Amino acid sequence: MGLEPAEHARRPQLAISADRIFDGYRWHDDAVILVDGGVVRWIAPRDQSEDDWPTEVMPPGTVLAPGFIDLQVNGGGGILLNDEPTPDAMRTIARAHRRYGTTSCLPTLISDTRAKATAAIAAAKIAGRHRWNPGSSSRRSVY
């Protein structure tokens, strides 16, 4: 038996209803995703949803599908973060990756000067900051 993080225990049960749901293997039409404790538990036909679960109904035509989370993105959309460490550059990078199924990303600065690192950190408008130094030991690779 594994332990779940405490924040999962506080999340309520939720059903999300959509016209089409892709689970990574097959399509489910007129279906509902049942989420319990922050974890997708199962996908069921819409008419077999749990009646006592609050249900969020997505707009007609909505397709729900898993997305990629890219934890190291140096650039995208013709922009390298090192060359342009600004909030607009980060938004452009994120938009460029979104076309390929990335739902979340972490723009990453390649080792550079302290001034570039400071500018990139100041520009960050997304959750998290990741600075990687390829010459550092594994114990200090994120600092």
Foldseek 3Di string as FASTA:
>chain_A
DDDDPPQLQPDAKEKEFAQWEDEPPDIDGCKIFIDHSNRGDDIGHVVPDDPPHHYHYDPHPDYHYDAAEAEEQQAFPPDGCLVPLALVRVVNRVVRCVVVRHPHYAHEHEDDDPVSVVSNVVRDPDPDYFYAYVPDDPVPRGD
